PDB file of N, CA and C in Angstrom:
ATOM      1  N   MET A   1     -16.204 -59.897-114.197  1.00  0.00           N
ATOM      2  CA  MET A   1     -15.798 -61.005-113.358  1.00  0.00           C
ATOM      3  C   MET A   1     -14.876 -60.550-112.221  1.00  0.00           C
ATOM      4  N   PHE A   2     -14.074 -59.533-112.460  1.00  0.00           N
ATOM      5  CA  PHE A   2     -13.141 -59.093-111.432  1.00  0.00           C
ATOM      6  C   PHE A   2     -13.655 -57.910-110.629  1.00  0.00           C
ATOM      7  N   CYS A   3     -14.933 -57.626-110.738  1.00  0.00           N
ATOM      8  CA  CYS A   3     -15.461 -56.513-109.955  1.00  0.00           C
ATOM      9  C   CYS A   3     -15.441 -56.895-108.469  1.00  0.00           C
ATOM     10  N   ARG A   4     -15.368 -55.896-107.634  1.00  0.00           N
ATOM     11  CA  ARG A   4     -15.270 -56.088-106.190  1.00  0.00           C
ATOM     12  C   ARG A   4     -16.441 -56.908-105.658  1.00  0.00           C
ATOM     13  N   GLU A   5     -17.653 -56.585-106.099  1.00  0.00           N
ATOM     14  CA  GLU A   5     -18.842 -57.274-105.618  1.00  0.00           C
ATOM     15  C   GLU A   5     -18.782 -58.769-105.935  1.00  0.00           C
ATOM     16  N   ASN A   6     -18.347 -59.113-107.139  1.00  0.00           N
ATOM     17  CA  ASN A   6     -18.262 -60.521-107.525  1.00  0.00           C
ATOM     18  C   ASN A   6     -17.213 -61.255-106.692  1.00  0.00           C
ATOM     19  N   GLN A   7     -16.086 -60.619-106.458  1.00  0.00           N
ATOM     20  CA  GLN A   7     -15.030 -61.247-105.671  1.00  0.00           C
ATOM     21  C   GLN A   7     -15.504 -61.509-104.238  1.00  0.00           C
ATOM     22  N   LEU A   8     -16.179 -60.526-103.632  1.00  0.00           N
ATOM     23  CA  LEU A   8     -16.680 -60.704-102.272  1.00  0.00           C
ATOM     24  C   LEU A   8     -17.793 -61.749-102.208  1.00  0.00           C
ATOM     25  N   ARG A   9     -18.616 -61.821-103.246  1.00  0.00           N
ATOM     26  CA  ARG A   9     -19.669 -62.846-103.294  1.00  0.00           C
ATOM     27  C   ARG A   9     -19.041 -64.239-103.311  1.00  0.00           C
ATOM     28  N   LEU A  10     -18.017 -64.429-104.139  1.00  0.00           N
ATOM     29  CA  LEU A  10     -17.339 -65.721-104.200  1.00  0.00           C
ATOM     30  C   LEU A  10     -16.725 -66.081-102.846  1.00  0.00           C
ATOM     31  N   TYR A  11     -16.123 -65.102-102.196  1.00  0.00           N
ATOM     32  CA  TYR A  11     -15.543 -65.333-100.870  1.00  0.00           C
ATOM     33  C   TYR A  11     -16.630 -65.735 -99.872  1.00  0.00           C
ATOM     34  N   ASP A  12     -17.755 -65.027 -99.892  1.00  0.00           N
ATOM     35  CA  ASP A  12     -18.872 -65.334 -98.989  1.00  0.00           C
ATOM     36  C   ASP A  12     -19.445 -66.725 -99.244  1.00  0.00           C
ATOM     37  N   GLU A  13     -19.331 -67.203-100.484  1.00  0.00           N
ATOM     38  CA  GLU A  13     -19.802 -68.554-100.827  1.00  0.00           C
ATOM     39  C   GLU A  13     -18.810 -69.631-100.403  1.00  0.00           C
ATOM     40  N   GLY A  14     -17.677 -69.211 -99.834  1.00  0.00           N
ATOM     41  CA  GLY A  14     -16.687 -70.175 -99.356  1.00  0.00           C
ATOM     42  C   GLY A  14     -15.562 -70.473-100.321  1.00  0.00           C
ATOM     43  N   LYS A  15     -15.550 -69.784-101.457  1.00  0.00           N
ATOM     44  CA  LYS A  15     -14.470 -70.000-102.418  1.00  0.00           C
ATOM     45  C   LYS A  15     -13.167 -69.456-101.850  1.00  0.00           C
ATOM     46  N   LYS A  16     -12.083 -70.173-102.076  1.00  0.00           N
ATOM     47  CA  LYS A  16     -10.775 -69.735-101.610  1.00  0.00           C
ATOM     48  C   LYS A  16      -9.930 -69.150-102.731  1.00  0.00           C
ATOM     49  N   GLU A  17     -10.356 -69.429-103.980  1.00  0.00           N
ATOM     50  CA  GLU A  17      -9.607 -68.917-105.128  1.00  0.00           C
ATOM     51  C   GLU A  17     -10.531 -68.775-106.327  1.00  0.00           C
ATOM     52  N   PHE A  18     -10.055 -68.009-107.303  1.00  0.00           N
ATOM     53  CA  PHE A  18     -10.826 -67.729-108.511  1.00  0.00           C
ATOM     54  C   PHE A  18      -9.847 -67.625-109.669  1.00  0.00           C
ATOM     55  N   HIS A  19     -10.135 -68.305-110.780  1.00  0.00           N
ATOM     56  CA  HIS A  19      -9.254 -68.295-111.949  1.00  0.00           C
ATOM     57  C   HIS A  19     -10.030 -67.800-113.164  1.00  0.00           C
ATOM     58  N   LEU A  20      -9.364 -66.999-113.969  1.00  0.00           N
ATOM     59  CA  LEU A  20      -9.994 -66.478-115.182  1.00  0.00           C
ATOM     60  C   LEU A  20      -8.944 -66.415-116.290  1.00  0.00           C
ATOM     61  N   ILE A  21      -9.308 -66.940-117.461  1.00  0.00           N
ATOM     62  CA  ILE A  21      -8.415 -66.879-118.622  1.00  0.00           C
ATOM     63  C   ILE A  21      -8.937 -65.800-119.556  1.00  0.00           C
ATOM     64  N   THR A  22      -8.039 -64.897-119.934  1.00  0.00           N
ATOM     65  CA  THR A  22      -8.371 -63.809-120.853  1.00  0.00           C
ATOM     66  C   THR A  22      -7.317 -63.755-121.955  1.00  0.00           C
ATOM     67  N   ARG A  23      -7.587 -62.924-122.945  1.00  0.00           N
ATOM     68  CA  ARG A  23      -6.591 -62.663-123.976  1.00  0.00           C
ATOM     69  C   ARG A  23      -6.013 -61.282-123.722  1.00  0.00           C
ATOM     70  N   GLN A  24      -4.717 -61.170-123.921  1.00  0.00           N
ATOM     71  CA  GLN A  24      -4.040 -59.892-123.699  1.00  0.00           C
ATOM     72  C   GLN A  24      -3.138 -59.634-124.895  1.00  0.00           C
ATOM     73  N   ILE A  25      -3.193 -58.399-125.413  1.00  0.00           N
ATOM     74  CA  ILE A  25      -2.370 -58.065-126.566  1.00  0.00           C
ATOM     75  C   ILE A  25      -1.000 -57.582-126.092  1.00  0.00           C
ATOM     76  N   GLY A  26       0.034 -58.122-126.703  1.00  0.00           N
ATOM     77  CA  GLY A  26       1.398 -57.747-126.349  1.00  0.00           C
ATOM     78  C   GLY A  26       1.860 -56.533-127.135  1.00  0.00           C
ATOM     79  N   ASP A  27       3.034 -56.036-126.779  1.00  0.00           N
ATOM     80  CA  ASP A  27       3.616 -54.900-127.506  1.00  0.00           C
ATOM     81  C   ASP A  27       3.846 -55.223-128.973  1.00  0.00           C
ATOM     82  N   ASP A  28       3.955 -56.519-129.300  1.00  0.00           N
ATOM     83  CA  ASP A  28       4.165 -56.945-130.683  1.00  0.00           C
ATOM     84  C   ASP A  28       2.872 -57.077-131.465  1.00  0.00           C
ATOM     85  N   GLY A  29       1.722 -56.776-130.818  1.00  0.00           N
ATOM     86  CA  GLY A  29       0.431 -56.839-131.493  1.00  0.00           C
ATOM     87  C   GLY A  29      -0.192 -58.222-131.521  1.00  0.00           C
ATOM     88  N   ILE A  30       0.430 -59.198-130.880  1.00  0.00           N
ATOM     89  CA  ILE A  30      -0.082 -60.570-130.871  1.00  0.00           C
ATOM     90  C   ILE A  30      -0.864 -60.812-129.584  1.00  0.00           C
ATOM     91  N   TYR A  31      -2.053 -61.422-129.738  1.00  0.00           N
ATOM     92  CA  TYR A  31      -2.864 -61.779-128.581  1.00  0.00           C
ATOM     93  C   TYR A  31      -2.351 -63.085-127.983  1.00  0.00           C
ATOM     94  N   ARG A  32      -2.288 -63.124-126.660  1.00  0.00           N
ATOM     95  CA  ARG A  32      -1.882 -64.327-125.948  1.00  0.00           C
ATOM     96  C   ARG A  32      -2.865 -64.565-124.804  1.00  0.00           C
ATOM     97  N   LYS A  33      -3.031 -65.849-124.452  1.00  0.00           N
ATOM     98  CA  LYS A  33      -3.887 -66.189-123.316  1.00  0.00           C
ATOM     99  C   LYS A  33      -3.113 -65.973-122.023  1.00  0.00           C
ATOM    100  N   VAL A  34      -3.804 -65.386-121.040  1.00  0.00           N
ATOM    101  CA  VAL A  34      -3.230 -65.151-119.720  1.00  0.00           C
ATOM    102  C   VAL A  34      -4.214 -65.671-118.689  1.00  0.00           C
ATOM    103  N   GLU A  35      -3.727 -66.489-117.759  1.00  0.00           N
ATOM    104  CA  GLU A  35      -4.569 -66.936-116.654  1.00  0.00           C
ATOM    105  C   GLU A  35      -4.256 -66.080-115.434  1.00  0.00           C
ATOM    106  N   THR A  36      -5.292 -65.464-114.876  1.00  0.00           N
ATOM    107  CA  THR A  36      -5.159 -64.713-113.638  1.00  0.00           C
ATOM    108  C   THR A  36      -5.793 -65.547-112.532  1.00  0.00           C
ATOM    109  N   SER A  37      -5.034 -65.774-111.476  1.00  0.00           N
ATOM    110  CA  SER A  37      -5.504 -66.549-110.327  1.00  0.00           C
ATOM    111  C   SER A  37      -5.556 -65.632-109.121  1.00  0.00           C
ATOM    112  N   ASN A  38      -6.727 -65.504-108.544  1.00  0.00           N
ATOM    113  CA  ASN A  38      -6.915 -64.698-107.333  1.00  0.00           C
ATOM    114  C   ASN A  38      -7.111 -65.640-106.152  1.00  0.00           C
ATOM    115  N   TYR A  39      -6.370 -65.388-105.086  1.00  0.00           N
ATOM    116  CA  TYR A  39      -6.470 -66.177-103.861  1.00  0.00           C
ATOM    117  C   TYR A  39      -6.956 -65.258-102.752  1.00  0.00           C
ATOM    118  N   PHE A  40      -8.044 -65.636-102.098  1.00  0.00           N
ATOM    119  CA  PHE A  40      -8.646 -64.807-101.058  1.00  0.00           C
ATOM    120  C   PHE A  40      -7.980 -65.085 -99.713  1.00  0.00           C
ATOM    121  N   VAL A  41      -7.667 -64.002 -98.990  1.00  0.00           N
ATOM    122  CA  VAL A  41      -7.014 -64.105 -97.690  1.00  0.00           C
ATOM    123  C   VAL A  41      -7.707 -63.143 -96.735  1.00  0.00           C
ATOM    124  N   LYS A  42      -8.062 -63.620 -95.561  1.00  0.00           N
ATOM    125  CA  LYS A  42      -8.652 -62.758 -94.531  1.00  0.00           C
ATOM    126  C   LYS A  42      -7.538 -61.955 -93.890  1.00  0.00           C
ATOM    127  N   SER A  43      -7.700 -60.664 -93.822  1.00  0.00           N
ATOM    128  CA  SER A  43      -6.702 -59.792 -93.217  1.00  0.00           C
ATOM    129  C   SER A  43      -6.587 -60.082 -91.723  1.00  0.00           C
ATOM    130  N   PRO A  44      -5.373 -60.263 -91.210  1.00  0.00           N
ATOM    131  CA  PRO A  44      -5.217 -60.490 -89.780  1.00  0.00           C
ATOM    132  C   PRO A  44      -5.393 -59.211 -88.959  1.00  0.00           C
ATOM    133  N   ALA A  45      -5.361 -58.054 -89.624  1.00  0.00           N
ATOM    134  CA  ALA A  45      -5.414 -56.774 -88.916  1.00  0.00           C
ATOM    135  C   ALA A  45      -6.790 -56.117 -88.929  1.00  0.00           C
ATOM    136  N   SER A  46      -7.701 -56.634 -89.763  1.00  0.00           N
ATOM    137  CA  SER A  46      -9.019 -55.996 -89.871  1.00  0.00           C
ATOM    138  C   SER A  46     -10.030 -57.024 -90.369  1.00  0.00           C
ATOM    139  N   GLU A  47     -11.226 -56.549 -90.683  1.00  0.00           N
ATOM    140  CA  GLU A  47     -12.271 -57.420 -91.229  1.00  0.00           C
ATOM    141  C   GLU A  47     -12.201 -57.508 -92.756  1.00  0.00           C
ATOM    142  N   ASP A  48     -11.169 -56.938 -93.337  1.00  0.00           N
ATOM    143  CA  ASP A  48     -11.038 -56.899 -94.793  1.00  0.00           C
ATOM    144  C   ASP A  48     -10.686 -58.269 -95.372  1.00  0.00           C
ATOM    145  N   VAL A  49     -11.077 -58.467 -96.625  1.00  0.00           N
ATOM    146  CA  VAL A  49     -10.660 -59.627 -97.397  1.00  0.00           C
ATOM    147  C   VAL A  49      -9.627 -59.136 -98.400  1.00  0.00           C
ATOM    148  N   LEU A  50      -8.469 -59.765 -98.393  1.00  0.00           N
ATOM    149  CA  LEU A  50      -7.404 -59.400 -99.315  1.00  0.00           C
ATOM    150  C   LEU A  50      -7.383 -60.384-100.470  1.00  0.00           C
ATOM    151  N   VAL A  51      -6.837 -59.942-101.606  1.00  0.00           N
ATOM    152  CA  VAL A  51      -6.702 -60.812-102.762  1.00  0.00           C
ATOM    153  C   VAL A  51      -5.250 -60.793-103.206  1.00  0.00           C
ATOM    154  N   ILE A  52      -4.673 -61.978-103.341  1.00  0.00           N
ATOM    155  CA  ILE A  52      -3.351 -62.121-103.930  1.00  0.00           C
ATOM    156  C   ILE A  52      -3.572 -62.584-105.361  1.00  0.00           C
ATOM    157  N   SER A  53      -3.082 -61.817-106.327  1.00  0.00           N
ATOM    158  CA  SER A  53      -3.292 -62.128-107.739  1.00  0.00           C
ATOM    159  C   SER A  53      -1.987 -62.559-108.388  1.00  0.00           C
ATOM    160  N   LEU A  54      -2.067 -63.651-109.135  1.00  0.00           N
ATOM    161  CA  LEU A  54      -0.933 -64.144-109.903  1.00  0.00           C
ATOM    162  C   LEU A  54      -1.358 -64.255-111.359  1.00  0.00           C
ATOM    163  N   CYS A  55      -0.474 -63.876-112.267  1.00  0.00           N
ATOM    164  CA  CYS A  55      -0.756 -63.976-113.701  1.00  0.00           C
ATOM    165  C   CYS A  55       0.246 -64.926-114.344  1.00  0.00           C
ATOM    166  N   ASN A  56      -0.264 -65.736-115.260  1.00  0.00           N
ATOM    167  CA  ASN A  56       0.565 -66.726-115.921  1.00  0.00           C
ATOM    168  C   ASN A  56       0.237 -66.745-117.410  1.00  0.00           C
ATOM    169  N   ASN A  57       1.244 -66.584-118.252  1.00  0.00           N
ATOM    170  CA  ASN A  57       1.038 -66.726-119.689  1.00  0.00           C
ATOM    171  C   ASN A  57       0.796 -68.185-120.016  1.00  0.00           C
ATOM    172  N   ILE A  58      -0.190 -68.453-120.870  1.00  0.00           N
ATOM    173  CA  ILE A  58      -0.539 -69.816-121.242  1.00  0.00           C
ATOM    174  C   ILE A  58      -0.078 -70.055-122.667  1.00  0.00           C
ATOM    175  N   ALA A  59       0.707 -71.093-122.856  1.00  0.00           N
ATOM    176  CA  ALA A  59       1.161 -71.453-124.194  1.00  0.00           C
ATOM    177  C   ALA A  59      -0.011 -71.991-125.004  1.00  0.00           C
ATOM    178  N   ASP A  60       0.078 -71.904-126.331  1.00  0.00           N
ATOM    179  CA  ASP A  60      -0.985 -72.437-127.187  1.00  0.00           C
ATOM    180  C   ASP A  60      -1.248 -73.895-126.837  1.00  0.00           C
ATOM    181  N   GLY A  61      -2.524 -74.237-126.715  1.00  0.00           N
ATOM    182  CA  GLY A  61      -2.915 -75.608-126.410  1.00  0.00           C
ATOM    183  C   GLY A  61      -3.163 -75.852-124.941  1.00  0.00           C
ATOM    184  N   GLU A  62      -2.680 -74.957-124.052  1.00  0.00           N
ATOM    185  CA  GLU A  62      -2.922 -75.099-122.617  1.00  0.00           C
ATOM    186  C   GLU A  62      -4.231 -74.406-122.252  1.00  0.00           C
ATOM    187  N   GLY A  63      -4.821 -74.813-121.154  1.00  0.00           N
ATOM    188  CA  GLY A  63      -5.987 -74.111-120.610  1.00  0.00           C
ATOM    189  C   GLY A  63      -7.259 -74.309-121.401  1.00  0.00           C
ATOM    190  N   GLN A  64      -7.303 -75.319-122.245  1.00  0.00           N
ATOM    191  CA  GLN A  64      -8.509 -75.545-123.049  1.00  0.00           C
ATOM    192  C   GLN A  64      -9.343 -76.642-122.460  1.00  0.00           C
TER     193      GLN A  64
END
């Protein structure tokens, strides 16, 4: 889902953002849900598409 080709395809389709919920194991061995939000931004200096990524831990019961 986070491969470069998929991100550029979503941008070309007019999407401005992309959200994905995954599980991530902590140092304590416990899995927790994490939402990663990618926001697409056109570079003002080139033809590149930039991505701003934010990660948010989701408490149990959220994001369902």
